[in-house]
Amino acid sequence: MARKKIFPFAAIVGQEKMKEGLILNIINPGLSGVLIRGEKGTAKSTAVRALAEILPEIEVVKDCPFQLAPGEDIKLCENCQKGECREMVKSGKAETYLRKIRVVELPVGATEDRVVGTMDLEHALQKGEKKIEPGILAEAHRGILYVDEVNLLDDHVVDVLLDSAAMGLNTVEREGVSFSHPAKFTLVGTMNPEEGELRPQLLDRFGLCVNVEGINEVSHRVEIMKRRIDFDDNPERFCENWSGESDKIAESIVSASKDVNSVEYTDDILEEIARYSVELDVDGHRGDIIMLKAAKTIAAHMGRNKVSMEDIEKASMFVLPHRMRRLPLQEIRQDISQVRKEASMKRGLNA
């Protein structure tokens, strides 16, 4: 059966910052996820699914609940149904297949057991053996974990998600069994601020944050309607018309993913990052570290091997607004460099 066509990422009108935030997290999952804040109907879920659709297929071990790649070295044999699984995976001899990167959605009412995994009671009763039943984090390994209305989730569940996104690992401890498995995924959370905010401690854990709004330009809204109607009338033809642009985006992501770790920076770059955080009254040091990672990712995406001051300024727009103590997030509308300049002037006057 033919796969259902998904509206192309390249055909989404506007919302450039949201699209860039998603791309940066795909290039570098070490950014610890992106939080998209805004009203409904602004193409948030469409963008996530569309981006996954254009990414290259990945090789996966057949029937593996942990979505392992051949050759991936992790101690899973005590919890796999087949005892030889680990050696097969390590040697690269396991049967594999190619598939699209998955977008795994987390239900709002998900419990911690459903997220991290729990004991397989049926197996225990039948075999008399303890065995872990993988959760959503195992399913999301090497994919995208999409959490709609993340502000409505239990805080403890959000903590677990953010820990796994940062470490790339999920640890399950149940009934005397301690077990870890890889959980390297791109975390995308969305929320409508009108339905309640995340606690500052959790907000800070998201690497990047983007505010989205409905587009008010009449011509752009008309173009949105036209493209959607064209897609609904003939999805195959519409996607084919945008395939060239989609391929360019995918190629830039693949290239940047290979280069991001080799991007260089100087002490001057580190000092500039520190100045941003000091002058904007940013709590803690997580923002500094994420801003460096984001700047390296931006440079790699632009095809450069060194971080520039412009990369720092651009990264600050994703990394700092939700970490600033003195300005409510929804009130930050002007360029962050102007906010920084005003904060620096006030600091000088008070010195």
Protein backbone atom coordinates (compact mmCIF):
# COMPACT_ATOMS: atom_id res chain seq x y z
CA MET A 1 0.00 0.00 0.00
CA ALA A 2 1.35 3.43 -0.98
CA ARG A 3 2.41 5.72 1.86
CA LYS A 4 0.24 8.74 2.48
CA LYS A 5 1.83 11.90 1.10
CA ILE A 6 2.89 14.55 3.61
CA PHE A 7 2.80 18.28 2.88
CA PRO A 8 6.38 19.26 1.89
CA PHE A 9 8.56 21.06 4.43
CA ALA A 10 9.86 23.40 1.72
CA ALA A 11 6.30 24.44 0.80
CA ILE A 12 5.41 25.76 4.26
CA VAL A 13 4.85 29.51 3.98
CA GLY A 14 6.67 31.69 6.50
CA GLN A 15 7.51 30.49 10.05
CA GLU A 16 11.19 30.63 9.08
CA LYS A 17 12.47 30.73 12.65
CA MET A 18 10.44 27.66 13.62
CA LYS A 19 11.72 25.76 10.60
CA GLU A 20 15.31 26.75 11.35
CA GLY A 21 14.96 25.71 15.00
CA LEU A 22 13.78 22.27 13.90
CA ILE A 23 16.59 21.92 11.36
CA LEU A 24 19.25 22.90 13.92
CA ASN A 25 18.01 20.20 16.31
CA ILE A 26 18.05 17.56 13.58
CA ILE A 27 21.63 18.50 12.71
CA ASN A 28 22.69 18.44 16.35
CA PRO A 29 20.46 16.47 18.77
CA GLY A 30 22.84 17.59 21.52
CA LEU A 31 20.97 20.90 21.58
CA SER A 32 18.48 19.18 23.92
CA GLY A 33 15.33 19.87 21.96
CA VAL A 34 13.27 22.80 20.78
CA LEU A 35 10.16 24.23 22.42
CA ILE A 36 7.68 25.84 20.02
CA ARG A 37 5.34 28.25 21.78
CA GLY A 38 2.31 29.66 20.02
CA GLU A 39 -1.28 29.43 18.98
CA LYS A 40 -2.83 26.46 17.22
CA GLY A 41 -2.99 26.29 13.44
CA THR A 42 0.53 27.63 12.82
CA ALA A 43 1.93 24.51 11.06
CA LYS A 44 3.84 23.17 14.08
CA SER A 45 2.97 19.49 13.68
CA THR A 46 2.97 19.79 9.88
CA ALA A 47 6.56 21.08 9.94
CA VAL A 48 7.77 18.25 12.21
CA ARG A 49 6.25 15.47 10.09
CA ALA A 50 7.32 17.13 6.85
CA LEU A 51 10.93 17.46 8.00
CA ALA A 52 11.10 13.79 8.97
CA GLU A 53 9.74 12.86 5.55
CA ILE A 54 12.64 14.39 3.60
CA LEU A 55 15.44 13.01 5.78
CA PRO A 56 17.45 10.01 4.51
CA GLU A 57 16.26 6.53 5.47
CA ILE A 58 18.03 4.79 8.34
CA GLU A 59 19.11 1.16 8.67
CA VAL A 60 17.41 -0.63 11.57
CA VAL A 61 17.81 -4.12 13.02
CA LYS A 62 14.70 -6.12 12.16
CA ASP A 63 12.22 -6.66 15.02
CA CYS A 64 14.42 -4.69 17.45
CA PRO A 65 12.25 -2.77 19.95
CA PHE A 66 15.15 -0.40 20.61
CA GLN A 67 15.54 0.72 16.96
CA LEU A 68 19.22 -0.24 16.98
CA ALA A 69 21.56 0.24 14.04
CA PRO A 70 23.75 -2.68 12.96
CA GLY A 71 27.02 -2.57 14.86
CA GLU A 72 25.60 -0.52 17.74
CA ASP A 73 27.25 -1.73 20.94
CA ILE A 74 24.87 -1.83 23.89
CA LYS A 75 24.17 -4.53 26.47
CA LEU A 76 20.63 -5.55 25.64
CA CYS A 77 20.84 -9.35 25.56
CA GLU A 78 19.45 -9.88 29.06
CA ASN A 79 16.25 -8.13 28.01
CA CYS A 80 15.96 -9.27 24.38
CA GLN A 81 13.79 -12.22 23.44
CA LYS A 82 16.73 -13.73 21.52
CA GLY A 83 19.85 -14.27 23.59
CA GLU A 84 22.15 -13.94 20.57
CA CYS A 85 20.76 -10.52 19.68
CA ARG A 86 23.56 -8.44 21.15
CA GLU A 87 26.35 -10.31 19.38
CA MET A 88 24.43 -10.19 16.10
CA VAL A 89 24.00 -6.43 16.43
CA LYS A 90 27.63 -5.81 17.42
CA SER A 91 28.98 -7.90 14.54
CA GLY A 92 26.69 -6.24 12.03
CA LYS A 93 25.24 -9.63 11.03
CA ALA A 94 21.72 -8.94 12.28
CA GLU A 95 18.98 -8.81 9.64
CA THR A 96 18.19 -5.18 8.85
CA TYR A 97 15.92 -3.02 6.74
CA LEU A 98 15.71 0.61 5.65
CA ARG A 99 12.91 2.91 6.79
CA LYS A 100 11.99 6.56 7.15
CA ILE A 101 12.81 8.39 10.36
CA ARG A 102 9.79 8.12 12.62
CA VAL A 103 7.90 10.87 14.37
CA VAL A 104 6.78 9.34 17.68
CA GLU A 105 4.01 11.27 19.41
CA LEU A 106 3.70 11.31 23.18
CA PRO A 107 0.10 11.30 24.44
CA VAL A 108 -0.75 14.05 26.94
CA GLY A 109 -1.90 11.47 29.49
CA ALA A 110 1.22 9.28 29.20
CA THR A 111 2.49 7.82 32.47
CA GLU A 112 6.13 7.46 33.44
CA ASP A 113 5.95 3.67 32.88
CA ARG A 114 4.63 4.21 29.36
CA VAL A 115 7.44 6.67 28.64
CA VAL A 116 10.50 4.92 30.10
CA GLY A 117 9.35 1.29 30.07
CA THR A 118 8.21 -1.17 32.68
CA MET A 119 8.24 -4.85 33.63
CA ASP A 120 6.67 -7.28 31.17
CA LEU A 121 4.29 -9.02 33.58
CA GLU A 122 2.99 -11.48 30.99
CA HIS A 123 6.53 -12.69 30.26
CA ALA A 124 7.25 -12.95 33.98
CA LEU A 125 4.14 -15.08 34.58
CA GLN A 126 4.75 -17.35 31.59
CA LYS A 127 8.53 -17.76 31.79
CA GLY A 128 9.28 -16.93 35.41
CA GLU A 129 11.86 -14.38 34.23
CA LYS A 130 12.10 -10.62 34.67
CA LYS A 131 12.03 -8.72 31.40
CA ILE A 132 11.74 -5.05 30.55
CA GLU A 133 8.94 -3.94 28.24
CA PRO A 134 10.34 -0.97 26.26
CA GLY A 135 8.53 2.37 26.41
CA ILE A 136 8.12 5.37 24.14
CA LEU A 137 11.76 6.44 24.59
CA ALA A 138 12.93 3.17 23.04
CA GLU A 139 10.56 3.66 20.13
CA ALA A 140 11.85 7.21 19.60
CA HIS A 141 15.57 6.26 19.43
CA ARG A 142 17.08 7.67 16.21
CA GLY A 143 13.84 9.51 15.48
CA ILE A 144 11.83 12.57 16.48
CA LEU A 145 9.84 12.63 19.71
CA TYR A 146 6.94 15.05 19.31
CA VAL A 147 5.22 16.24 22.49
CA ASP A 148 2.16 18.38 21.87
CA GLU A 149 0.97 20.53 24.79
CA VAL A 150 4.08 19.69 26.79
CA ASN A 151 2.97 22.21 29.44
CA LEU A 152 0.04 19.92 30.30
CA LEU A 153 2.26 16.90 31.03
CA ASP A 154 3.20 15.89 34.55
CA ASP A 155 6.40 17.72 35.54
CA HIS A 156 8.13 14.45 36.41
CA VAL A 157 7.45 13.03 32.95
CA VAL A 158 8.83 16.20 31.34
CA ASP A 159 11.95 15.82 33.52
CA VAL A 160 12.46 12.27 32.26
CA LEU A 161 12.10 13.38 28.63
CA LEU A 162 14.57 16.22 29.03
CA ASP A 163 17.10 14.03 30.85
CA SER A 164 17.01 11.45 28.07
CA ALA A 165 17.24 14.12 25.37
CA ALA A 166 20.32 15.58 27.04
CA MET A 167 22.11 12.29 27.79
CA GLY A 168 20.95 10.14 24.86
CA LEU A 169 20.25 7.36 27.33
CA ASN A 170 17.23 6.01 29.20
CA THR A 171 17.57 4.02 32.41
CA VAL A 172 14.74 1.81 33.65
CA GLU A 173 14.72 0.61 37.26
CA ARG A 174 11.84 -1.69 38.09
CA GLU A 175 11.42 -4.59 40.53
CA GLY A 176 15.13 -5.02 41.19
CA VAL A 177 16.07 -4.75 37.51
CA SER A 178 18.24 -1.86 36.33
CA PHE A 179 18.55 -1.50 32.58
CA SER A 180 19.74 1.21 30.19
CA HIS A 181 19.25 1.63 26.48
CA PRO A 182 20.13 4.35 23.94
CA ALA A 183 17.53 7.08 23.52
CA LYS A 184 19.03 9.53 21.06
CA PHE A 185 16.18 11.50 19.56
CA THR A 186 15.25 15.00 18.51
CA LEU A 187 12.83 16.37 21.09
CA VAL A 188 10.17 18.77 19.87
CA GLY A 189 7.72 20.21 22.39
CA THR A 190 4.82 22.51 21.57
CA MET A 191 2.58 24.52 23.83
CA ASN A 192 -0.02 27.28 23.83
CA PRO A 193 0.98 29.80 26.55
CA GLU A 194 -2.70 30.65 27.07
CA GLU A 195 -3.16 27.16 28.54
CA GLY A 196 -0.43 27.59 31.15
CA GLU A 197 3.34 27.97 31.28
CA LEU A 198 6.09 25.49 32.00
CA ARG A 199 7.94 25.94 35.26
CA PRO A 200 11.14 28.01 34.74
CA GLN A 201 13.26 25.01 35.76
CA LEU A 202 11.76 22.93 32.95
CA LEU A 203 11.74 25.79 30.46
CA ASP A 204 15.49 26.19 30.97
CA ARG A 205 16.07 22.53 30.09
CA PHE A 206 14.87 23.00 26.51
CA GLY A 207 17.90 23.98 24.46
CA LEU A 208 16.07 26.21 22.00
CA CYS A 209 12.75 28.05 22.13
CA VAL A 210 10.76 29.60 19.30
CA ASN A 211 7.66 31.77 19.43
CA VAL A 212 5.23 31.34 16.53
CA GLU A 213 2.23 33.42 15.54
CA GLY A 214 -0.33 33.35 12.78
CA ILE A 215 0.76 35.15 9.61
CA ASN A 216 -0.96 38.53 9.20
CA GLU A 217 0.28 39.39 5.71
CA VAL A 218 -2.72 38.99 3.39
CA SER A 219 -0.69 37.81 0.39
CA HIS A 220 1.02 35.17 2.51
CA ARG A 221 -2.29 33.89 3.89
CA VAL A 222 -3.61 33.67 0.34
CA GLU A 223 -0.53 31.68 -0.66
CA ILE A 224 -1.06 29.29 2.27
CA MET A 225 -4.60 28.58 1.05
CA LYS A 226 -3.50 28.10 -2.54
CA ARG A 227 -0.74 25.65 -1.65
CA ARG A 228 -2.98 23.65 0.64
CA ILE A 229 -5.71 23.38 -1.99
CA ASP A 230 -3.17 22.33 -4.63
CA PHE A 231 -1.79 19.69 -2.26
CA ASP A 232 -5.22 18.30 -1.40
CA ASP A 233 -6.22 18.16 -5.08
CA ASN A 234 -3.12 16.24 -6.19
CA PRO A 235 -0.61 15.37 -3.43
CA GLU A 236 1.73 13.42 -5.75
CA ARG A 237 2.08 16.24 -8.26
CA PHE A 238 2.44 18.90 -5.54
CA CYS A 239 5.19 16.97 -3.75
CA GLU A 240 6.99 16.35 -7.04
CA ASN A 241 6.95 20.09 -7.80
CA TRP A 242 8.67 20.76 -4.47
CA SER A 243 11.04 17.78 -4.56
CA GLY A 244 13.99 19.89 -5.74
CA GLU A 245 13.74 22.31 -2.82
CA SER A 246 13.18 19.40 -0.42
CA ASP A 247 16.31 17.65 -1.66
CA LYS A 248 18.39 20.80 -1.11
CA ILE A 249 17.21 21.06 2.51
CA ALA A 250 17.90 17.38 3.16
CA GLU A 251 21.38 17.60 1.63
CA SER A 252 22.27 20.64 3.75
CA ILE A 253 21.17 18.81 6.90
CA VAL A 254 23.17 15.67 6.10
CA SER A 255 26.28 17.71 5.27
CA ALA A 256 26.03 19.87 8.40
CA SER A 257 25.46 16.80 10.61
CA LYS A 258 28.80 15.40 9.45
CA ASP A 259 30.67 18.68 9.96
CA VAL A 260 29.20 20.17 13.15
CA ASN A 261 31.63 18.51 15.58
CA SER A 262 34.64 19.81 13.67
CA VAL A 263 33.52 23.47 13.67
CA GLU A 264 36.14 25.58 15.47
CA TYR A 265 35.79 28.56 17.81
CA THR A 266 38.10 30.96 19.62
CA ASP A 267 38.32 32.32 23.16
CA ASP A 268 36.84 35.56 21.82
CA ILE A 269 33.69 33.62 20.90
CA LEU A 270 33.47 32.16 24.40
CA GLU A 271 33.88 35.61 25.95
CA GLU A 272 31.14 37.03 23.70
CA ILE A 273 28.76 34.27 24.78
CA ALA A 274 29.53 34.99 28.44
CA ARG A 275 28.86 38.72 27.89
CA TYR A 276 25.46 37.98 26.41
CA SER A 277 24.45 35.94 29.45
CA VAL A 278 25.78 38.47 31.97
CA GLU A 279 24.24 41.51 30.29
CA LEU A 280 20.86 39.79 29.84
CA ASP A 281 20.74 38.42 33.41
CA VAL A 282 20.59 34.78 32.39
CA ASP A 283 20.54 32.34 35.30
CA GLY A 284 23.02 29.47 35.43
CA HIS A 285 25.44 28.27 32.79
CA ARG A 286 23.32 25.92 30.68
CA GLY A 287 22.45 28.76 28.31
CA ASP A 288 26.13 29.51 27.67
CA ILE A 289 26.88 25.91 26.76
CA ILE A 290 23.82 25.53 24.55
CA MET A 291 24.58 28.83 22.80
CA LEU A 292 28.03 27.58 21.84
CA LYS A 293 26.53 24.35 20.51
CA ALA A 294 23.86 26.29 18.61
CA ALA A 295 26.43 28.67 17.12
CA LYS A 296 28.54 25.73 15.93
CA THR A 297 25.44 24.14 14.42
CA ILE A 298 24.48 27.37 12.63
CA ALA A 299 28.00 27.69 11.22
CA ALA A 300 27.93 24.07 9.99
CA HIS A 301 24.52 24.61 8.41
CA MET A 302 25.92 27.63 6.56
CA GLY A 303 28.82 25.52 5.31
CA ARG A 304 31.50 27.20 7.46
CA ASN A 305 34.10 25.58 9.73
CA LYS A 306 34.49 28.46 12.21
CA VAL A 307 32.01 30.19 14.50
CA SER A 308 31.54 33.91 13.81
CA MET A 309 30.08 36.70 15.95
CA GLU A 310 27.04 36.67 13.66
CA ASP A 311 26.48 33.01 14.57
CA ILE A 312 26.48 33.96 18.26
CA GLU A 313 23.93 36.71 17.69
CA LYS A 314 21.67 34.37 15.73
CA ALA A 315 22.03 31.59 18.30
CA SER A 316 21.08 33.99 21.08
CA MET A 317 17.63 34.44 19.53
CA PHE A 318 16.94 30.74 20.02
CA VAL A 319 18.76 30.15 23.29
CA LEU A 320 18.36 33.16 25.57
CA PRO A 321 14.83 34.64 25.50
CA HIS A 322 13.29 31.84 27.60
CA ARG A 323 16.18 32.08 30.08
CA MET A 324 16.07 35.82 30.78
CA ARG A 325 15.02 36.68 34.31
CA ARG A 326 13.82 40.24 33.93
CA LEU A 327 11.69 40.14 30.78
CA PRO A 328 8.62 37.91 30.40
CA LEU A 329 9.09 35.67 27.37
CA GLN A 330 5.95 36.88 25.64
CA GLU A 331 7.11 40.51 25.85
CA ILE A 332 10.39 40.01 23.98
CA ARG A 333 9.55 41.32 20.52
CA GLN A 334 12.57 43.46 19.61
CA ASP A 335 15.93 42.22 18.41
CA ILE A 336 17.80 40.68 21.32
CA SER A 337 20.88 42.74 20.49
CA GLN A 338 18.87 45.88 21.31
CA VAL A 339 17.68 44.35 24.58
CA ARG A 340 21.28 43.51 25.37
CA LYS A 341 22.45 47.04 24.57
CA GLU A 342 19.84 48.56 26.88
CA ALA A 343 20.72 46.12 29.66
CA SER A 344 24.42 46.96 29.27
CA MET A 345 23.69 50.72 29.43
CA LYS A 346 21.63 50.28 32.61
CA ARG A 347 24.40 48.21 34.16
CA GLY A 348 26.89 50.99 33.35
CA LEU A 349 24.68 53.66 34.87
CA ASN A 350 24.27 51.66 38.06
CA ALA A 351 27.98 50.94 38.41
